[in-house]
């Protein structure tokens, strides 16, 4: 399992839409990889993106979004 922070780190400096982020996650971590966060576990890439979006981890950028570094816990 991979922590969601690794996905947020991957996003820094890049812009995505939901589909391109899910594809980038699967390319980097594998299509079957599961993810966990501070308050959730065993998430698919699609579930992780939805979870992070709901938690306010993304900010609009160009035609998509990027990571909101001000809203990422540092532990």
PDB file of N, CA and C in Angstrom:
ATOM      1  N   UNK A   1       0.837  -1.189   0.000  1.00  0.00           N
ATOM      2  CA  UNK A   1       0.000   0.000   0.000  1.00  0.00           C
ATOM      3  C   UNK A   1       0.875   1.243   0.000  1.00  0.00           C
ATOM      4  N   UNK A   2       0.391   2.274  -0.646  1.00  0.00           N
ATOM      5  CA  UNK A   2       1.118   3.531  -0.786  1.00  0.00           C
ATOM      6  C   UNK A   2       0.346   4.634  -0.087  1.00  0.00           C
ATOM      7  N   UNK A   3       1.058   5.496   0.622  1.00  0.00           N
ATOM      8  CA  UNK A   3       0.398   6.614   1.303  1.00  0.00           C
ATOM      9  C   UNK A   3       0.009   7.674   0.270  1.00  0.00           C
ATOM     10  N   UNK A   4      -1.144   8.298   0.487  1.00  0.00           N
ATOM     11  CA  UNK A   4      -1.633   9.345  -0.401  1.00  0.00           C
ATOM     12  C   UNK A   4      -0.680  10.516  -0.546  1.00  0.00           C
ATOM     13  N   UNK A   5       0.195  10.743   0.455  1.00  0.00           N
ATOM     14  CA  UNK A   5       1.174  11.829   0.354  1.00  0.00           C
ATOM     15  C   UNK A   5       2.092  11.638  -0.846  1.00  0.00           C
ATOM     16  N   UNK A   6       2.367  10.396  -1.204  1.00  0.00           N
ATOM     17  CA  UNK A   6       3.226  10.153  -2.366  1.00  0.00           C
ATOM     18  C   UNK A   6       2.563  10.645  -3.651  1.00  0.00           C
ATOM     19  N   UNK A   7       1.259  10.520  -3.726  1.00  0.00           N
ATOM     20  CA  UNK A   7       0.519  11.039  -4.886  1.00  0.00           C
ATOM     21  C   UNK A   7       0.548  12.563  -4.863  1.00  0.00           C
ATOM     22  N   UNK A   8       0.317  13.154  -3.703  1.00  0.00           N
ATOM     23  CA  UNK A   8       0.350  14.618  -3.596  1.00  0.00           C
ATOM     24  C   UNK A   8       1.735  15.149  -3.955  1.00  0.00           C
ATOM     25  N   UNK A   9       2.780  14.470  -3.517  1.00  0.00           N
ATOM     26  CA  UNK A   9       4.140  14.879  -3.880  1.00  0.00           C
ATOM     27  C   UNK A   9       4.347  14.802  -5.386  1.00  0.00           C
ATOM     28  N   UNK A  10       3.834  13.753  -6.005  1.00  0.00           N
ATOM     29  CA  UNK A  10       3.944  13.567  -7.450  1.00  0.00           C
ATOM     30  C   UNK A  10       3.264  14.703  -8.210  1.00  0.00           C
ATOM     31  N   UNK A  11       2.200  15.243  -7.619  1.00  0.00           N
ATOM     32  CA  UNK A  11       1.404  16.269  -8.295  1.00  0.00           C
ATOM     33  C   UNK A  11       2.063  17.647  -8.308  1.00  0.00           C
ATOM     34  N   UNK A  12       2.960  17.910  -7.387  1.00  0.00           N
ATOM     35  CA  UNK A  12       3.539  19.245  -7.270  1.00  0.00           C
ATOM     36  C   UNK A  12       4.179  19.695  -8.572  1.00  0.00           C
ATOM     37  N   UNK A  13       3.798  20.891  -9.015  1.00  0.00           N
ATOM     38  CA  UNK A  13       4.340  21.454 -10.244  1.00  0.00           C
ATOM     39  C   UNK A  13       3.666  20.974 -11.508  1.00  0.00           C
ATOM     40  N   UNK A  14       2.635  20.138 -11.373  1.00  0.00           N
ATOM     41  CA  UNK A  14       1.925  19.594 -12.530  1.00  0.00           C
ATOM     42  C   UNK A  14       0.440  19.904 -12.434  1.00  0.00           C
ATOM     43  N   UNK A  15      -0.219  19.953 -13.565  1.00  0.00           N
ATOM     44  CA  UNK A  15      -1.659  20.176 -13.632  1.00  0.00           C
ATOM     45  C   UNK A  15      -2.337  18.928 -14.192  1.00  0.00           C
ATOM     46  N   UNK A  16      -3.459  18.561 -13.601  1.00  0.00           N
ATOM     47  CA  UNK A  16      -4.197  17.365 -14.003  1.00  0.00           C
ATOM     48  C   UNK A  16      -5.685  17.663 -14.063  1.00  0.00           C
ATOM     49  N   UNK A  17      -6.422  16.822 -14.769  1.00  0.00           N
ATOM     50  CA  UNK A  17      -7.855  16.700 -14.551  1.00  0.00           C
ATOM     51  C   UNK A  17      -8.017  15.336 -13.884  1.00  0.00           C
ATOM     52  N   UNK A  18      -9.219  14.976 -13.494  1.00  0.00           N
ATOM     53  CA  UNK A  18      -9.374  13.723 -12.748  1.00  0.00           C
ATOM     54  C   UNK A  18      -8.880  12.519 -13.544  1.00  0.00           C
ATOM     55  N   UNK A  19      -9.237  12.451 -14.820  1.00  0.00           N
ATOM     56  CA  UNK A  19      -8.841  11.299 -15.642  1.00  0.00           C
ATOM     57  C   UNK A  19      -7.323  11.229 -15.814  1.00  0.00           C
ATOM     58  N   UNK A  20      -6.682  12.373 -16.068  1.00  0.00           N
ATOM     59  CA  UNK A  20      -5.227  12.344 -16.273  1.00  0.00           C
ATOM     60  C   UNK A  20      -4.495  12.045 -14.971  1.00  0.00           C
ATOM     61  N   UNK A  21      -5.032  12.477 -13.826  1.00  0.00           N
ATOM     62  CA  UNK A  21      -4.405  12.163 -12.543  1.00  0.00           C
ATOM     63  C   UNK A  21      -4.512  10.670 -12.251  1.00  0.00           C
ATOM     64  N   UNK A  22      -5.674  10.100 -12.468  1.00  0.00           N
ATOM     65  CA  UNK A  22      -5.852   8.663 -12.241  1.00  0.00           C
ATOM     66  C   UNK A  22      -4.893   7.875 -13.132  1.00  0.00           C
ATOM     67  N   UNK A  23      -4.763   8.274 -14.376  1.00  0.00           N
ATOM     68  CA  UNK A  23      -3.843   7.595 -15.293  1.00  0.00           C
ATOM     69  C   UNK A  23      -2.397   7.740 -14.821  1.00  0.00           C
ATOM     70  N   UNK A  24      -2.010   8.938 -14.376  1.00  0.00           N
ATOM     71  CA  UNK A  24      -0.645   9.160 -13.887  1.00  0.00           C
ATOM     72  C   UNK A  24      -0.372   8.314 -12.641  1.00  0.00           C
ATOM     73  N   UNK A  25      -1.347   8.208 -11.760  1.00  0.00           N
ATOM     74  CA  UNK A  25      -1.198   7.381 -10.558  1.00  0.00           C
ATOM     75  C   UNK A  25      -0.977   5.921 -10.951  1.00  0.00           C
ATOM     76  N   UNK A  26      -1.794   5.440 -11.871  1.00  0.00           N
ATOM     77  CA  UNK A  26      -1.675   4.042 -12.291  1.00  0.00           C
ATOM     78  C   UNK A  26      -0.353   3.784 -13.005  1.00  0.00           C
ATOM     79  N   UNK A  27       0.119   4.759 -13.786  1.00  0.00           N
ATOM     80  CA  UNK A  27       1.400   4.613 -14.472  1.00  0.00           C
ATOM     81  C   UNK A  27       2.555   4.537 -13.470  1.00  0.00           C
ATOM     82  N   UNK A  28       2.495   5.389 -12.443  1.00  0.00           N
ATOM     83  CA  UNK A  28       3.594   5.452 -11.478  1.00  0.00           C
ATOM     84  C   UNK A  28       3.558   4.322 -10.451  1.00  0.00           C
ATOM     85  N   UNK A  29       2.373   4.000  -9.937  1.00  0.00           N
ATOM     86  CA  UNK A  29       2.266   3.063  -8.823  1.00  0.00           C
ATOM     87  C   UNK A  29       1.710   1.698  -9.206  1.00  0.00           C
ATOM     88  N   UNK A  30       1.166   1.578 -10.411  1.00  0.00           N
ATOM     89  CA  UNK A  30       0.584   0.313 -10.857  1.00  0.00           C
ATOM     90  C   UNK A  30      -0.935   0.357 -10.781  1.00  0.00           C
ATOM     91  N   UNK A  31      -1.577  -0.305 -11.710  1.00  0.00           N
ATOM     92  CA  UNK A  31      -3.034  -0.265 -11.824  1.00  0.00           C
ATOM     93  C   UNK A  31      -3.745  -0.893 -10.633  1.00  0.00           C
ATOM     94  N   UNK A  32      -3.094  -1.820  -9.966  1.00  0.00           N
ATOM     95  CA  UNK A  32      -3.736  -2.526  -8.855  1.00  0.00           C
ATOM     96  C   UNK A  32      -3.313  -2.015  -7.483  1.00  0.00           C
ATOM     97  N   UNK A  33      -2.475  -0.965  -7.450  1.00  0.00           N
ATOM     98  CA  UNK A  33      -1.997  -0.439  -6.164  1.00  0.00           C
ATOM     99  C   UNK A  33      -3.160   0.112  -5.340  1.00  0.00           C
ATOM    100  N   UNK A  34      -3.079  -0.076  -4.041  1.00  0.00           N
ATOM    101  CA  UNK A  34      -4.051   0.479  -3.094  1.00  0.00           C
ATOM    102  C   UNK A  34      -3.359   1.563  -2.289  1.00  0.00           C
ATOM    103  N   UNK A  35      -4.154   2.502  -1.803  1.00  0.00           N
ATOM    104  CA  UNK A  35      -3.626   3.674  -1.122  1.00  0.00           C
ATOM    105  C   UNK A  35      -4.275   3.851   0.238  1.00  0.00           C
ATOM    106  N   UNK A  36      -3.553   4.534   1.120  1.00  0.00           N
ATOM    107  CA  UNK A  36      -4.106   4.882   2.422  1.00  0.00           C
ATOM    108  C   UNK A  36      -3.754   6.326   2.731  1.00  0.00           C
ATOM    109  N   UNK A  37      -4.523   6.918   3.645  1.00  0.00           N
ATOM    110  CA  UNK A  37      -4.291   8.287   4.091  1.00  0.00           C
ATOM    111  C   UNK A  37      -4.385   8.290   5.611  1.00  0.00           C
ATOM    112  N   UNK A  38      -4.383   9.468   6.176  1.00  0.00           N
ATOM    113  CA  UNK A  38      -4.493   9.587   7.639  1.00  0.00           C
ATOM    114  C   UNK A  38      -5.827   9.035   8.145  1.00  0.00           C
ATOM    115  N   UNK A  39      -6.855   9.070   7.303  1.00  0.00           N
ATOM    116  CA  UNK A  39      -8.191   8.672   7.779  1.00  0.00           C
ATOM    117  C   UNK A  39      -8.912   7.669   6.890  1.00  0.00           C
ATOM    118  N   UNK A  40      -8.225   7.087   5.918  1.00  0.00           N
ATOM    119  CA  UNK A  40      -8.856   6.096   5.033  1.00  0.00           C
ATOM    120  C   UNK A  40      -7.796   5.093   4.587  1.00  0.00           C
ATOM    121  N   UNK A  41      -8.252   3.906   4.184  1.00  0.00           N
ATOM    122  CA  UNK A  41      -7.304   2.901   3.706  1.00  0.00           C
ATOM    123  C   UNK A  41      -7.930   2.012   2.650  1.00  0.00           C
ATOM    124  N   UNK A  42      -7.071   1.287   1.938  1.00  0.00           N
ATOM    125  CA  UNK A  42      -7.467   0.347   0.900  1.00  0.00           C
ATOM    126  C   UNK A  42      -8.239   1.025  -0.239  1.00  0.00           C
ATOM    127  N   UNK A  43      -7.783   2.225  -0.627  1.00  0.00           N
ATOM    128  CA  UNK A  43      -8.436   2.989  -1.690  1.00  0.00           C
ATOM    129  C   UNK A  43      -7.828   2.649  -3.050  1.00  0.00           C
ATOM    130  N   UNK A  44      -8.678   2.581  -4.074  1.00  0.00           N
ATOM    131  CA  UNK A  44      -8.188   2.486  -5.444  1.00  0.00           C
ATOM    132  C   UNK A  44      -7.725   3.875  -5.869  1.00  0.00           C
ATOM    133  N   UNK A  45      -7.094   3.978  -7.020  1.00  0.00           N
ATOM    134  CA  UNK A  45      -6.672   5.287  -7.531  1.00  0.00           C
ATOM    135  C   UNK A  45      -7.880   6.208  -7.686  1.00  0.00           C
ATOM    136  N   UNK A  46      -8.976   5.677  -8.218  1.00  0.00           N
ATOM    137  CA  UNK A  46     -10.188   6.484  -8.409  1.00  0.00           C
ATOM    138  C   UNK A  46     -10.750   6.959  -7.070  1.00  0.00           C
ATOM    139  N   UNK A  47     -10.781   6.065  -6.096  1.00  0.00           N
ATOM    140  CA  UNK A  47     -11.292   6.423  -4.772  1.00  0.00           C
ATOM    141  C   UNK A  47     -10.384   7.439  -4.089  1.00  0.00           C
ATOM    142  N   UNK A  48      -9.081   7.289  -4.273  1.00  0.00           N
ATOM    143  CA  UNK A  48      -8.141   8.239  -3.681  1.00  0.00           C
ATOM    144  C   UNK A  48      -8.339   9.631  -4.255  1.00  0.00           C
ATOM    145  N   UNK A  49      -8.477   9.744  -5.567  1.00  0.00           N
ATOM    146  CA  UNK A  49      -8.686  11.055  -6.191  1.00  0.00           C
ATOM    147  C   UNK A  49      -9.968  11.694  -5.664  1.00  0.00           C
ATOM    148  N   UNK A  50     -11.044  10.938  -5.569  1.00  0.00           N
ATOM    149  CA  UNK A  50     -12.299  11.465  -5.017  1.00  0.00           C
ATOM    150  C   UNK A  50     -12.111  11.911  -3.570  1.00  0.00           C
ATOM    151  N   UNK A  51     -11.421  11.100  -2.783  1.00  0.00           N
ATOM    152  CA  UNK A  51     -11.176  11.404  -1.380  1.00  0.00           C
ATOM    153  C   UNK A  51     -10.370  12.694  -1.245  1.00  0.00           C
ATOM    154  N   UNK A  52      -9.278  12.815  -1.997  1.00  0.00           N
ATOM    155  CA  UNK A  52      -8.433  14.003  -1.913  1.00  0.00           C
ATOM    156  C   UNK A  52      -9.179  15.251  -2.364  1.00  0.00           C
ATOM    157  N   UNK A  53     -10.004  15.104  -3.385  1.00  0.00           N
ATOM    158  CA  UNK A  53     -10.801  16.233  -3.866  1.00  0.00           C
ATOM    159  C   UNK A  53     -11.762  16.697  -2.775  1.00  0.00           C
ATOM    160  N   UNK A  54     -12.459  15.762  -2.147  1.00  0.00           N
ATOM    161  CA  UNK A  54     -13.404  16.099  -1.074  1.00  0.00           C
ATOM    162  C   UNK A  54     -12.709  16.759   0.110  1.00  0.00           C
ATOM    163  N   UNK A  55     -11.456  16.403   0.357  1.00  0.00           N
ATOM    164  CA  UNK A  55     -10.705  16.946   1.490  1.00  0.00           C
ATOM    165  C   UNK A  55     -10.045  18.293   1.173  1.00  0.00           C
ATOM    166  N   UNK A  56     -10.279  18.820  -0.034  1.00  0.00           N
ATOM    167  CA  UNK A  56      -9.734  20.131  -0.391  1.00  0.00           C
ATOM    168  C   UNK A  56      -8.248  20.130  -0.690  1.00  0.00           C
ATOM    169  N   UNK A  57      -7.723  19.005  -1.152  1.00  0.00           N
ATOM    170  CA  UNK A  57      -6.294  18.898  -1.418  1.00  0.00           C
ATOM    171  C   UNK A  57      -5.894  19.437  -2.785  1.00  0.00           C
ATOM    172  N   UNK A  58      -6.858  19.816  -3.619  1.00  0.00           N
ATOM    173  CA  UNK A  58      -6.578  20.315  -4.956  1.00  0.00           C
ATOM    174  C   UNK A  58      -6.971  21.787  -5.069  1.00  0.00           C
ATOM    175  N   UNK A  59      -6.257  22.519  -5.923  1.00  0.00           N
ATOM    176  CA  UNK A  59      -6.631  23.890  -6.261  1.00  0.00           C
ATOM    177  C   UNK A  59      -6.672  24.010  -7.783  1.00  0.00           C
ATOM    178  N   UNK A  60      -7.575  24.844  -8.304  1.00  0.00           N
ATOM    179  CA  UNK A  60      -7.668  25.012  -9.754  1.00  0.00           C
ATOM    180  C   UNK A  60      -6.361  25.538 -10.345  1.00  0.00           C
ATOM    181  N   UNK A  61      -6.029  25.047 -11.527  1.00  0.00           N
ATOM    182  CA  UNK A  61      -4.846  25.501 -12.246  1.00  0.00           C
ATOM    183  C   UNK A  61      -5.064  25.261 -13.724  1.00  0.00           C
ATOM    184  N   UNK A  62      -4.999  26.315 -14.513  1.00  0.00           N
ATOM    185  CA  UNK A  62      -5.209  26.227 -15.954  1.00  0.00           C
ATOM    186  C   UNK A  62      -6.524  25.496 -16.247  1.00  0.00           C
ATOM    187  N   UNK A  63      -6.467  24.414 -16.985  1.00  0.00           N
ATOM    188  CA  UNK A  63      -7.674  23.668 -17.336  1.00  0.00           C
ATOM    189  C   UNK A  63      -7.936  22.499 -16.398  1.00  0.00           C
ATOM    190  N   UNK A  64      -7.258  22.466 -15.268  1.00  0.00           N
ATOM    191  CA  UNK A  64      -7.416  21.348 -14.350  1.00  0.00           C
ATOM    192  C   UNK A  64      -7.177  21.792 -12.925  1.00  0.00           C
ATOM    193  N   UNK A  65      -6.330  21.043 -12.221  1.00  0.00           N
ATOM    194  CA  UNK A  65      -6.018  21.357 -10.833  1.00  0.00           C
ATOM    195  C   UNK A  65      -4.637  20.824 -10.495  1.00  0.00           C
ATOM    196  N   UNK A  66      -4.120  21.280  -9.371  1.00  0.00           N
ATOM    197  CA  UNK A  66      -2.865  20.773  -8.839  1.00  0.00           C
ATOM    198  C   UNK A  66      -3.023  20.603  -7.347  1.00  0.00           C
ATOM    199  N   UNK A  67      -1.981  20.180  -6.671  1.00  0.00           N
ATOM    200  CA  UNK A  67      -2.043  19.959  -5.237  1.00  0.00           C
ATOM    201  C   UNK A  67      -2.061  21.303  -4.493  1.00  0.00           C
ATOM    202  N   UNK A  68      -2.886  21.381  -3.474  1.00  0.00           N
ATOM    203  CA  UNK A  68      -2.955  22.554  -2.611  1.00  0.00           C
ATOM    204  C   UNK A  68      -1.971  22.312  -1.463  1.00  0.00           C
ATOM    205  N   UNK A  69      -0.743  22.781  -1.617  1.00  0.00           N
ATOM    206  CA  UNK A  69       0.302  22.488  -0.636  1.00  0.00           C
ATOM    207  C   UNK A  69      -0.001  23.092   0.728  1.00  0.00           C
ATOM    208  N   UNK A  70      -0.857  24.104   0.771  1.00  0.00           N
ATOM    209  CA  UNK A  70      -1.230  24.707   2.068  1.00  0.00           C
ATOM    210  C   UNK A  70      -2.159  23.808   2.854  1.00  0.00           C
ATOM    211  N   UNK A  71      -2.755  22.814   2.190  1.00  0.00           N
ATOM    212  CA  UNK A  71      -3.736  21.947   2.848  1.00  0.00           C
ATOM    213  C   UNK A  71      -3.248  20.496   2.915  1.00  0.00           C
ATOM    214  N   UNK A  72      -1.940  20.318   3.018  1.00  0.00           N
ATOM    215  CA  UNK A  72      -1.369  18.983   3.109  1.00  0.00           C
ATOM    216  C   UNK A  72      -0.714  18.856   4.482  1.00  0.00           C
ATOM    217  N   UNK A  73      -1.114  17.844   5.225  1.00  0.00           N
ATOM    218  CA  UNK A  73      -0.501  17.641   6.545  1.00  0.00           C
ATOM    219  C   UNK A  73       0.932  17.152   6.360  1.00  0.00           C
ATOM    220  N   UNK A  74       1.784  17.546   7.267  1.00  0.00           N
ATOM    221  CA  UNK A  74       3.195  17.188   7.170  1.00  0.00           C
ATOM    222  C   UNK A  74       3.602  16.305   8.326  1.00  0.00           C
ATOM    223  N   UNK A  75       3.463  15.001   8.126  1.00  0.00           N
ATOM    224  CA  UNK A  75       3.899  14.069   9.167  1.00  0.00           C
ATOM    225  C   UNK A  75       4.562  12.876   8.542  1.00  0.00           C
TER     226      UNK A  75
END
